[in-house]
């Protein structure tokens, strides 16, 4: 529920499909997996469907699997490891254009 509330607040100016024609969309939030090396850089969010759109840095050691994609926030929130949620919101992350974001 925390992810949904924070994304709803941060995405008020960036609903789903609002930046689809932007070459360098605004990234409004960073989610990360505390167990595996995966980051989600969220650009848009729909609070009704709880679907987000953003750039995913995947588990692979290089960027071959990194991509722009849609993700269900409900599904991310349902991921646990020994009854501990493994997806966290980077609270110190500030909005930035994707072109200025340091991704691998």
PDB file of N, CA and C in Angstrom:
ATOM      1  N   UNK A   1       0.815  -1.204   0.000  1.00  0.00           N
ATOM      2  CA  UNK A   1       0.000   0.000   0.000  1.00  0.00           C
ATOM      3  C   UNK A   1       0.858   1.268   0.000  1.00  0.00           C
ATOM      4  N   UNK A   2       2.034   1.213   0.610  1.00  0.00           N
ATOM      5  CA  UNK A   2       2.894   2.386   0.681  1.00  0.00           C
ATOM      6  C   UNK A   2       3.354   2.794  -0.711  1.00  0.00           C
ATOM      7  N   UNK A   3       3.740   1.835  -1.537  1.00  0.00           N
ATOM      8  CA  UNK A   3       4.169   2.154  -2.898  1.00  0.00           C
ATOM      9  C   UNK A   3       3.059   2.866  -3.657  1.00  0.00           C
ATOM     10  N   UNK A   4       1.841   2.333  -3.545  1.00  0.00           N
ATOM     11  CA  UNK A   4       0.707   2.917  -4.264  1.00  0.00           C
ATOM     12  C   UNK A   4       0.476   4.368  -3.833  1.00  0.00           C
ATOM     13  N   UNK A   5       0.476   4.627  -2.555  1.00  0.00           N
ATOM     14  CA  UNK A   5       0.227   5.988  -2.061  1.00  0.00           C
ATOM     15  C   UNK A   5       1.294   6.972  -2.539  1.00  0.00           C
ATOM     16  N   UNK A   6       2.543   6.570  -2.431  1.00  0.00           N
ATOM     17  CA  UNK A   6       3.627   7.463  -2.817  1.00  0.00           C
ATOM     18  C   UNK A   6       3.647   7.689  -4.330  1.00  0.00           C
ATOM     19  N   UNK A   7       3.427   6.633  -5.112  1.00  0.00           N
ATOM     20  CA  UNK A   7       3.399   6.800  -6.566  1.00  0.00           C
ATOM     21  C   UNK A   7       2.221   7.655  -7.004  1.00  0.00           C
ATOM     22  N   UNK A   8       1.087   7.495  -6.350  1.00  0.00           N
ATOM     23  CA  UNK A   8      -0.085   8.310  -6.678  1.00  0.00           C
ATOM     24  C   UNK A   8       0.229   9.787  -6.477  1.00  0.00           C
ATOM     25  N   UNK A   9       0.912  10.090  -5.392  1.00  0.00           N
ATOM     26  CA  UNK A   9       1.278  11.475  -5.101  1.00  0.00           C
ATOM     27  C   UNK A   9       2.294  12.001  -6.121  1.00  0.00           C
ATOM     28  N   UNK A  10       3.321  11.215  -6.396  1.00  0.00           N
ATOM     29  CA  UNK A  10       4.383  11.651  -7.297  1.00  0.00           C
ATOM     30  C   UNK A  10       3.927  11.734  -8.753  1.00  0.00           C
ATOM     31  N   UNK A  11       2.955  10.915  -9.143  1.00  0.00           N
ATOM     32  CA  UNK A  11       2.539  10.837 -10.552  1.00  0.00           C
ATOM     33  C   UNK A  11       1.361  11.742 -10.881  1.00  0.00           C
ATOM     34  N   UNK A  12       0.996  12.645 -10.019  1.00  0.00           N
ATOM     35  CA  UNK A  12      -0.163  13.497 -10.299  1.00  0.00           C
ATOM     36  C   UNK A  12      -0.011  14.263 -11.615  1.00  0.00           C
ATOM     37  N   UNK A  13       1.217  14.628 -11.984  1.00  0.00           N
ATOM     38  CA  UNK A  13       1.468  15.328 -13.251  1.00  0.00           C
ATOM     39  C   UNK A  13       1.816  14.368 -14.391  1.00  0.00           C
ATOM     40  N   UNK A  14       1.988  13.079 -14.069  1.00  0.00           N
ATOM     41  CA  UNK A  14       2.457  12.116 -15.061  1.00  0.00           C
ATOM     42  C   UNK A  14       1.603  10.845 -15.068  1.00  0.00           C
ATOM     43  N   UNK A  15       0.346  10.976 -15.491  1.00  0.00           N
ATOM     44  CA  UNK A  15      -0.486   9.766 -15.586  1.00  0.00           C
ATOM     45  C   UNK A  15       0.011   8.872 -16.721  1.00  0.00           C
ATOM     46  N   UNK A  16      -0.470   7.652 -16.740  1.00  0.00           N
ATOM     47  CA  UNK A  16      -0.079   6.682 -17.760  1.00  0.00           C
ATOM     48  C   UNK A  16      -0.305   7.252 -19.159  1.00  0.00           C
ATOM     49  N   UNK A  17       0.644   7.060 -20.038  1.00  0.00           N
ATOM     50  CA  UNK A  17       0.658   7.506 -21.443  1.00  0.00           C
ATOM     51  C   UNK A  17       0.893   9.005 -21.623  1.00  0.00           C
ATOM     52  N   UNK A  18       1.153   9.742 -20.563  1.00  0.00           N
ATOM     53  CA  UNK A  18       1.332  11.190 -20.686  1.00  0.00           C
ATOM     54  C   UNK A  18       2.683  11.582 -21.281  1.00  0.00           C
ATOM     55  N   UNK A  19       3.659  10.693 -21.226  1.00  0.00           N
ATOM     56  CA  UNK A  19       4.995  11.034 -21.728  1.00  0.00           C
ATOM     57  C   UNK A  19       5.431  10.139 -22.890  1.00  0.00           C
ATOM     58  N   UNK A  20       4.472   9.455 -23.505  1.00  0.00           N
ATOM     59  CA  UNK A  20       4.844   8.451 -24.507  1.00  0.00           C
ATOM     60  C   UNK A  20       5.569   9.022 -25.723  1.00  0.00           C
ATOM     61  N   UNK A  21       5.448  10.304 -25.996  1.00  0.00           N
ATOM     62  CA  UNK A  21       6.146  10.904 -27.137  1.00  0.00           C
ATOM     63  C   UNK A  21       7.412  11.664 -26.733  1.00  0.00           C
ATOM     64  N   UNK A  22       7.752  11.599 -25.468  1.00  0.00           N
ATOM     65  CA  UNK A  22       8.948  12.288 -24.971  1.00  0.00           C
ATOM     66  C   UNK A  22      10.196  11.442 -25.249  1.00  0.00           C
ATOM     67  N   UNK A  23      11.255  12.086 -25.727  1.00  0.00           N
ATOM     68  CA  UNK A  23      12.512  11.367 -25.950  1.00  0.00           C
ATOM     69  C   UNK A  23      13.221  11.072 -24.628  1.00  0.00           C
ATOM     70  N   UNK A  24      13.040  11.954 -23.683  1.00  0.00           N
ATOM     71  CA  UNK A  24      13.648  11.784 -22.366  1.00  0.00           C
ATOM     72  C   UNK A  24      12.591  12.084 -21.299  1.00  0.00           C
ATOM     73  N   UNK A  25      11.742  11.087 -20.986  1.00  0.00           N
ATOM     74  CA  UNK A  25      10.662  11.334 -20.028  1.00  0.00           C
ATOM     75  C   UNK A  25      11.186  11.634 -18.621  1.00  0.00           C
ATOM     76  N   UNK A  26      10.349  12.290 -17.858  1.00  0.00           N
ATOM     77  CA  UNK A  26      10.662  12.585 -16.470  1.00  0.00           C
ATOM     78  C   UNK A  26      10.517  11.298 -15.659  1.00  0.00           C
ATOM     79  N   UNK A  27      11.523  10.977 -14.883  1.00  0.00           N
ATOM     80  CA  UNK A  27      11.471   9.815 -13.994  1.00  0.00           C
ATOM     81  C   UNK A  27      11.052  10.333 -12.622  1.00  0.00           C
ATOM     82  N   UNK A  28       9.951   9.800 -12.105  1.00  0.00           N
ATOM     83  CA  UNK A  28       9.374  10.340 -10.872  1.00  0.00           C
ATOM     84  C   UNK A  28       9.686   9.518  -9.627  1.00  0.00           C
ATOM     85  N   UNK A  29      10.119   8.266  -9.823  1.00  0.00           N
ATOM     86  CA  UNK A  29      10.390   7.425  -8.661  1.00  0.00           C
ATOM     87  C   UNK A  29      11.334   6.296  -9.047  1.00  0.00           C
ATOM     88  N   UNK A  30      12.043   5.803  -8.049  1.00  0.00           N
ATOM     89  CA  UNK A  30      12.904   4.636  -8.238  1.00  0.00           C
ATOM     90  C   UNK A  30      12.477   3.562  -7.236  1.00  0.00           C
ATOM     91  N   UNK A  31      12.206   2.380  -7.761  1.00  0.00           N
ATOM     92  CA  UNK A  31      11.934   1.216  -6.929  1.00  0.00           C
ATOM     93  C   UNK A  31      13.120   0.271  -7.082  1.00  0.00           C
ATOM     94  N   UNK A  32      13.443  -0.453  -6.036  1.00  0.00           N
ATOM     95  CA  UNK A  32      14.544  -1.390  -6.144  1.00  0.00           C
ATOM     96  C   UNK A  32      14.240  -2.653  -5.359  1.00  0.00           C
ATOM     97  N   UNK A  33      14.878  -3.722  -5.788  1.00  0.00           N
ATOM     98  CA  UNK A  33      14.727  -5.020  -5.157  1.00  0.00           C
ATOM     99  C   UNK A  33      15.866  -5.170  -4.166  1.00  0.00           C
ATOM    100  N   UNK A  34      15.566  -5.416  -2.914  1.00  0.00           N
ATOM    101  CA  UNK A  34      16.607  -5.463  -1.884  1.00  0.00           C
ATOM    102  C   UNK A  34      17.414  -6.762  -1.918  1.00  0.00           C
ATOM    103  N   UNK A  35      16.946  -7.762  -2.646  1.00  0.00           N
ATOM    104  CA  UNK A  35      17.651  -9.035  -2.728  1.00  0.00           C
ATOM    105  C   UNK A  35      18.463  -9.147  -4.017  1.00  0.00           C
ATOM    106  N   UNK A  36      17.804  -8.884  -5.154  1.00  0.00           N
ATOM    107  CA  UNK A  36      18.453  -9.010  -6.461  1.00  0.00           C
ATOM    108  C   UNK A  36      18.722  -7.641  -7.038  1.00  0.00           C
ATOM    109  N   UNK A  37      19.573  -7.604  -8.015  1.00  0.00           N
ATOM    110  CA  UNK A  37      19.987  -6.336  -8.638  1.00  0.00           C
ATOM    111  C   UNK A  37      18.991  -5.916  -9.718  1.00  0.00           C
ATOM    112  N   UNK A  38      17.878  -5.359  -9.299  1.00  0.00           N
ATOM    113  CA  UNK A  38      16.858  -4.885 -10.225  1.00  0.00           C
ATOM    114  C   UNK A  38      16.351  -3.530  -9.760  1.00  0.00           C
ATOM    115  N   UNK A  39      16.247  -2.583 -10.695  1.00  0.00           N
ATOM    116  CA  UNK A  39      15.714  -1.250 -10.406  1.00  0.00           C
ATOM    117  C   UNK A  39      14.612  -0.931 -11.397  1.00  0.00           C
ATOM    118  N   UNK A  40      13.589  -0.259 -10.929  1.00  0.00           N
ATOM    119  CA  UNK A  40      12.512   0.248 -11.779  1.00  0.00           C
ATOM    120  C   UNK A  40      12.525   1.765 -11.659  1.00  0.00           C
ATOM    121  N   UNK A  41      12.694   2.453 -12.775  1.00  0.00           N
ATOM    122  CA  UNK A  41      12.650   3.904 -12.812  1.00  0.00           C
ATOM    123  C   UNK A  41      11.295   4.278 -13.393  1.00  0.00           C
ATOM    124  N   UNK A  42      10.400   4.758 -12.562  1.00  0.00           N
ATOM    125  CA  UNK A  42       9.006   4.974 -12.931  1.00  0.00           C
ATOM    126  C   UNK A  42       8.831   6.357 -13.556  1.00  0.00           C
ATOM    127  N   UNK A  43       8.204   6.364 -14.744  1.00  0.00           N
ATOM    128  CA  UNK A  43       7.940   7.617 -15.456  1.00  0.00           C
ATOM    129  C   UNK A  43       6.468   8.006 -15.384  1.00  0.00           C
ATOM    130  N   UNK A  44       5.571   7.016 -15.342  1.00  0.00           N
ATOM    131  CA  UNK A  44       4.124   7.274 -15.342  1.00  0.00           C
ATOM    132  C   UNK A  44       3.438   6.250 -14.443  1.00  0.00           C
ATOM    133  N   UNK A  45       2.263   6.640 -13.960  1.00  0.00           N
ATOM    134  CA  UNK A  45       1.533   5.731 -13.067  1.00  0.00           C
ATOM    135  C   UNK A  45       0.043   6.012 -13.134  1.00  0.00           C
ATOM    136  N   UNK A  46      -0.749   4.937 -13.166  1.00  0.00           N
ATOM    137  CA  UNK A  46      -2.212   5.034 -13.134  1.00  0.00           C
ATOM    138  C   UNK A  46      -2.697   4.497 -11.788  1.00  0.00           C
ATOM    139  N   UNK A  47      -3.190   5.361 -10.893  1.00  0.00           N
ATOM    140  CA  UNK A  47      -3.624   4.908  -9.574  1.00  0.00           C
ATOM    141  C   UNK A  47      -4.862   4.002  -9.607  1.00  0.00           C
ATOM    142  N   UNK A  48      -5.641   4.069 -10.674  1.00  0.00           N
ATOM    143  CA  UNK A  48      -6.828   3.205 -10.771  1.00  0.00           C
ATOM    144  C   UNK A  48      -6.438   1.753 -11.029  1.00  0.00           C
ATOM    145  N   UNK A  49      -5.584   1.534 -12.017  1.00  0.00           N
ATOM    146  CA  UNK A  49      -5.176   0.172 -12.372  1.00  0.00           C
ATOM    147  C   UNK A  49      -3.939  -0.282 -11.607  1.00  0.00           C
ATOM    148  N   UNK A  50      -3.248   0.677 -10.991  1.00  0.00           N
ATOM    149  CA  UNK A  50      -1.987   0.439 -10.278  1.00  0.00           C
ATOM    150  C   UNK A  50      -0.913  -0.117 -11.208  1.00  0.00           C
ATOM    151  N   UNK A  51      -0.935   0.402 -12.445  1.00  0.00           N
ATOM    152  CA  UNK A  51       0.064   0.037 -13.441  1.00  0.00           C
ATOM    153  C   UNK A  51       1.004   1.225 -13.630  1.00  0.00           C
ATOM    154  N   UNK A  52       2.297   0.928 -13.671  1.00  0.00           N
ATOM    155  CA  UNK A  52       3.312   1.954 -13.877  1.00  0.00           C
ATOM    156  C   UNK A  52       4.070   1.649 -15.162  1.00  0.00           C
ATOM    157  N   UNK A  53       4.640   2.707 -15.723  1.00  0.00           N
ATOM    158  CA  UNK A  53       5.478   2.570 -16.903  1.00  0.00           C
ATOM    159  C   UNK A  53       6.827   3.169 -16.578  1.00  0.00           C
ATOM    160  N   UNK A  54       7.867   2.452 -16.935  1.00  0.00           N
ATOM    161  CA  UNK A  54       9.190   2.978 -16.672  1.00  0.00           C
ATOM    162  C   UNK A  54      10.277   2.100 -17.243  1.00  0.00           C
ATOM    163  N   UNK A  55      11.486   2.415 -16.876  1.00  0.00           N
ATOM    164  CA  UNK A  55      12.674   1.722 -17.352  1.00  0.00           C
ATOM    165  C   UNK A  55      13.102   0.715 -16.298  1.00  0.00           C
ATOM    166  N   UNK A  56      13.360  -0.507 -16.739  1.00  0.00           N
ATOM    167  CA  UNK A  56      13.744  -1.582 -15.818  1.00  0.00           C
ATOM    168  C   UNK A  56      15.181  -1.990 -16.085  1.00  0.00           C
ATOM    169  N   UNK A  57      15.996  -1.923 -15.045  1.00  0.00           N
ATOM    170  CA  UNK A  57      17.342  -2.496 -15.092  1.00  0.00           C
ATOM    171  C   UNK A  57      17.215  -3.906 -14.539  1.00  0.00           C
ATOM    172  N   UNK A  58      17.455  -4.877 -15.381  1.00  0.00           N
ATOM    173  CA  UNK A  58      17.195  -6.269 -15.010  1.00  0.00           C
ATOM    174  C   UNK A  58      18.380  -6.918 -14.291  1.00  0.00           C
ATOM    175  N   UNK A  59      18.225  -8.212 -14.064  1.00  0.00           N
ATOM    176  CA  UNK A  59      19.215  -8.972 -13.309  1.00  0.00           C
ATOM    177  C   UNK A  59      20.514  -9.241 -14.055  1.00  0.00           C
ATOM    178  N   UNK A  60      20.494  -9.147 -15.353  1.00  0.00           N
ATOM    179  CA  UNK A  60      21.673  -9.499 -16.147  1.00  0.00           C
ATOM    180  C   UNK A  60      22.835  -8.558 -15.828  1.00  0.00           C
ATOM    181  N   UNK A  61      24.067  -9.039 -15.961  1.00  0.00           N
ATOM    182  CA  UNK A  61      25.232  -8.194 -15.642  1.00  0.00           C
ATOM    183  C   UNK A  61      25.468  -7.043 -16.609  1.00  0.00           C
ATOM    184  N   UNK A  62      24.855  -7.076 -17.772  1.00  0.00           N
ATOM    185  CA  UNK A  62      24.966  -5.947 -18.690  1.00  0.00           C
ATOM    186  C   UNK A  62      23.559  -5.466 -19.041  1.00  0.00           C
ATOM    187  N   UNK A  63      23.453  -4.522 -19.920  1.00  0.00           N
ATOM    188  CA  UNK A  63      22.160  -3.895 -20.190  1.00  0.00           C
ATOM    189  C   UNK A  63      21.333  -4.610 -21.261  1.00  0.00           C
ATOM    190  N   UNK A  64      21.677  -5.828 -21.632  1.00  0.00           N
ATOM    191  CA  UNK A  64      20.980  -6.516 -22.711  1.00  0.00           C
ATOM    192  C   UNK A  64      19.488  -6.729 -22.408  1.00  0.00           C
ATOM    193  N   UNK A  65      19.123  -6.857 -21.159  1.00  0.00           N
ATOM    194  CA  UNK A  65      17.713  -7.091 -20.796  1.00  0.00           C
ATOM    195  C   UNK A  65      17.021  -5.846 -20.242  1.00  0.00           C
ATOM    196  N   UNK A  66      17.708  -4.733 -20.175  1.00  0.00           N
ATOM    197  CA  UNK A  66      17.096  -3.501 -19.678  1.00  0.00           C
ATOM    198  C   UNK A  66      16.136  -2.961 -20.728  1.00  0.00           C
ATOM    199  N   UNK A  67      14.983  -2.450 -20.274  1.00  0.00           N
ATOM    200  CA  UNK A  67      13.986  -1.998 -21.242  1.00  0.00           C
ATOM    201  C   UNK A  67      12.928  -1.115 -20.600  1.00  0.00           C
ATOM    202  N   UNK A  68      12.188  -0.414 -21.458  1.00  0.00           N
ATOM    203  CA  UNK A  68      10.999   0.328 -21.043  1.00  0.00           C
ATOM    204  C   UNK A  68       9.851  -0.662 -21.027  1.00  0.00           C
ATOM    205  N   UNK A  69       9.061  -0.674 -19.953  1.00  0.00           N
ATOM    206  CA  UNK A  69       7.983  -1.644 -19.865  1.00  0.00           C
ATOM    207  C   UNK A  69       6.962  -1.213 -18.814  1.00  0.00           C
ATOM    208  N   UNK A  70       5.827  -1.886 -18.830  1.00  0.00           N
ATOM    209  CA  UNK A  70       4.760  -1.673 -17.850  1.00  0.00           C
ATOM    210  C   UNK A  70       4.924  -2.683 -16.724  1.00  0.00           C
ATOM    211  N   UNK A  71       4.552  -2.272 -15.525  1.00  0.00           N
ATOM    212  CA  UNK A  71       4.658  -3.169 -14.374  1.00  0.00           C
ATOM    213  C   UNK A  71       3.467  -2.936 -13.448  1.00  0.00           C
ATOM    214  N   UNK A  72       2.970  -4.018 -12.872  1.00  0.00           N
ATOM    215  CA  UNK A  72       1.894  -3.952 -11.894  1.00  0.00           C
ATOM    216  C   UNK A  72       2.499  -3.690 -10.511  1.00  0.00           C
ATOM    217  N   UNK A  73       2.108  -2.587  -9.914  1.00  0.00           N
ATOM    218  CA  UNK A  73       2.607  -2.265  -8.576  1.00  0.00           C
ATOM    219  C   UNK A  73       2.070  -3.276  -7.550  1.00  0.00           C
ATOM    220  N   UNK A  74       0.840  -3.756  -7.760  1.00  0.00           N
ATOM    221  CA  UNK A  74       0.307  -4.797  -6.877  1.00  0.00           C
ATOM    222  C   UNK A  74       1.174  -6.050  -6.916  1.00  0.00           C
ATOM    223  N   UNK A  75       1.626  -6.428  -8.104  1.00  0.00           N
ATOM    224  CA  UNK A  75       2.485  -7.613  -8.216  1.00  0.00           C
ATOM    225  C   UNK A  75       3.826  -7.377  -7.531  1.00  0.00           C
ATOM    226  N   UNK A  76       4.398  -6.206  -7.709  1.00  0.00           N
ATOM    227  CA  UNK A  76       5.669  -5.916  -7.037  1.00  0.00           C
ATOM    228  C   UNK A  76       5.508  -5.944  -5.521  1.00  0.00           C
ATOM    229  N   UNK A  77       4.412  -5.376  -5.030  1.00  0.00           N
ATOM    230  CA  UNK A  77       4.172  -5.358  -3.580  1.00  0.00           C
ATOM    231  C   UNK A  77       3.918  -6.752  -3.010  1.00  0.00           C
ATOM    232  N   UNK A  78       3.557  -7.700  -3.864  1.00  0.00           N
ATOM    233  CA  UNK A  78       3.266  -9.061  -3.377  1.00  0.00           C
ATOM    234  C   UNK A  78       4.526  -9.914  -3.262  1.00  0.00           C
ATOM    235  N   UNK A  79       5.686  -9.381  -3.666  1.00  0.00           N
ATOM    236  CA  UNK A  79       6.922 -10.152  -3.612  1.00  0.00           C
ATOM    237  C   UNK A  79       7.537 -10.082  -2.215  1.00  0.00           C
ATOM    238  N   UNK A  80       7.726 -11.256  -1.636  1.00  0.00           N
ATOM    239  CA  UNK A  80       8.283 -11.358  -0.283  1.00  0.00           C
ATOM    240  C   UNK A  80       9.407 -12.376  -0.264  1.00  0.00           C
ATOM    241  N   UNK A  81      10.312 -12.213   0.679  1.00  0.00           N
ATOM    242  CA  UNK A  81      11.389 -13.172   0.932  1.00  0.00           C
ATOM    243  C   UNK A  81      11.428 -13.382   2.441  1.00  0.00           C
ATOM    244  N   UNK A  82      11.065 -14.565   2.876  1.00  0.00           N
ATOM    245  CA  UNK A  82      10.965 -14.870   4.317  1.00  0.00           C
ATOM    246  C   UNK A  82      10.115 -13.821   5.039  1.00  0.00           C
ATOM    247  N   UNK A  83       8.932 -13.591   4.542  1.00  0.00           N
ATOM    248  CA  UNK A  83       7.921 -12.652   5.040  1.00  0.00           C
ATOM    249  C   UNK A  83       8.385 -11.193   5.129  1.00  0.00           C
ATOM    250  N   UNK A  84       9.374 -10.852   4.332  1.00  0.00           N
ATOM    251  CA  UNK A  84       9.848  -9.477   4.257  1.00  0.00           C
ATOM    252  C   UNK A  84       9.625  -8.972   2.825  1.00  0.00           C
ATOM    253  N   UNK A  85       8.952  -7.823   2.661  1.00  0.00           N
ATOM    254  CA  UNK A  85       8.788  -7.299   1.301  1.00  0.00           C
ATOM    255  C   UNK A  85      10.151  -6.981   0.697  1.00  0.00           C
ATOM    256  N   UNK A  86      10.318  -7.314  -0.586  1.00  0.00           N
ATOM    257  CA  UNK A  86      11.639  -7.114  -1.195  1.00  0.00           C
ATOM    258  C   UNK A  86      11.701  -5.936  -2.166  1.00  0.00           C
ATOM    259  N   UNK A  87      10.576  -5.289  -2.431  1.00  0.00           N
ATOM    260  CA  UNK A  87      10.585  -4.115  -3.296  1.00  0.00           C
ATOM    261  C   UNK A  87      10.444  -2.872  -2.429  1.00  0.00           C
ATOM    262  N   UNK A  88      11.389  -1.974  -2.576  1.00  0.00           N
ATOM    263  CA  UNK A  88      11.413  -0.748  -1.780  1.00  0.00           C
ATOM    264  C   UNK A  88      11.359   0.472  -2.691  1.00  0.00           C
ATOM    265  N   UNK A  89      10.880   1.552  -2.144  1.00  0.00           N
ATOM    266  CA  UNK A  89      10.871   2.850  -2.817  1.00  0.00           C
ATOM    267  C   UNK A  89      12.064   3.643  -2.303  1.00  0.00           C
ATOM    268  N   UNK A  90      12.862   4.177  -3.203  1.00  0.00           N
ATOM    269  CA  UNK A  90      13.985   5.023  -2.828  1.00  0.00           C
ATOM    270  C   UNK A  90      13.420   6.393  -2.448  1.00  0.00           C
ATOM    271  N   UNK A  91      13.333   6.654  -1.163  1.00  0.00           N
ATOM    272  CA  UNK A  91      12.727   7.895  -0.676  1.00  0.00           C
ATOM    273  C   UNK A  91      13.580   9.129  -0.957  1.00  0.00           C
ATOM    274  N   UNK A  92      14.856   8.936  -1.210  1.00  0.00           N
ATOM    275  CA  UNK A  92      15.731  10.081  -1.490  1.00  0.00           C
ATOM    276  C   UNK A  92      15.776  10.432  -2.982  1.00  0.00           C
ATOM    277  N   UNK A  93      15.127   9.629  -3.811  1.00  0.00           N
ATOM    278  CA  UNK A  93      15.147   9.868  -5.259  1.00  0.00           C
ATOM    279  C   UNK A  93      14.340  11.118  -5.602  1.00  0.00           C
ATOM    280  N   UNK A  94      14.916  11.985  -6.429  1.00  0.00           N
ATOM    281  CA  UNK A  94      14.241  13.201  -6.882  1.00  0.00           C
ATOM    282  C   UNK A  94      13.991  13.109  -8.383  1.00  0.00           C
ATOM    283  N   UNK A  95      12.906  13.720  -8.838  1.00  0.00           N
ATOM    284  CA  UNK A  95      12.555  13.712 -10.258  1.00  0.00           C
ATOM    285  C   UNK A  95      13.745  14.142 -11.108  1.00  0.00           C
ATOM    286  N   UNK A  96      13.913  13.429 -12.227  1.00  0.00           N
ATOM    287  CA  UNK A  96      15.002  13.745 -13.145  1.00  0.00           C
ATOM    288  C   UNK A  96      14.616  13.246 -14.535  1.00  0.00           C
ATOM    289  N   UNK A  97      15.068  13.967 -15.562  1.00  0.00           N
ATOM    290  CA  UNK A  97      14.853  13.477 -16.915  1.00  0.00           C
ATOM    291  C   UNK A  97      15.693  12.220 -17.125  1.00  0.00           C
ATOM    292  N   UNK A  98      15.153  11.289 -17.892  1.00  0.00           N
ATOM    293  CA  UNK A  98      15.832  10.018 -18.101  1.00  0.00           C
ATOM    294  C   UNK A  98      17.233  10.203 -18.671  1.00  0.00           C
ATOM    295  N   UNK A  99      17.401  11.164 -19.558  1.00  0.00           N
ATOM    296  CA  UNK A  99      18.717  11.386 -20.176  1.00  0.00           C
ATOM    297  C   UNK A  99      19.786  11.802 -19.150  1.00  0.00           C
ATOM    298  N   UNK A 100      19.356  12.336 -18.025  1.00  0.00           N
ATOM    299  CA  UNK A 100      20.301  12.747 -16.984  1.00  0.00           C
ATOM    300  C   UNK A 100      20.490  11.693 -15.903  1.00  0.00           C
ATOM    301  N   UNK A 101      19.705  10.644 -15.992  1.00  0.00           N
ATOM    302  CA  UNK A 101      19.772   9.558 -15.014  1.00  0.00           C
ATOM    303  C   UNK A 101      20.974   8.670 -15.337  1.00  0.00           C
ATOM    304  N   UNK A 102      21.690   8.285 -14.333  1.00  0.00           N
ATOM    305  CA  UNK A 102      22.856   7.427 -14.555  1.00  0.00           C
ATOM    306  C   UNK A 102      22.414   5.968 -14.422  1.00  0.00           C
ATOM    307  N   UNK A 103      22.048   5.385 -15.562  1.00  0.00           N
ATOM    308  CA  UNK A 103      21.748   3.957 -15.603  1.00  0.00           C
ATOM    309  C   UNK A 103      22.891   3.283 -16.336  1.00  0.00           C
ATOM    310  N   UNK A 104      23.047   2.003 -16.108  1.00  0.00           N
ATOM    311  CA  UNK A 104      24.197   1.327 -16.747  1.00  0.00           C
ATOM    312  C   UNK A 104      24.017   1.167 -18.223  1.00  0.00           C
TER     313      UNK A 104
END
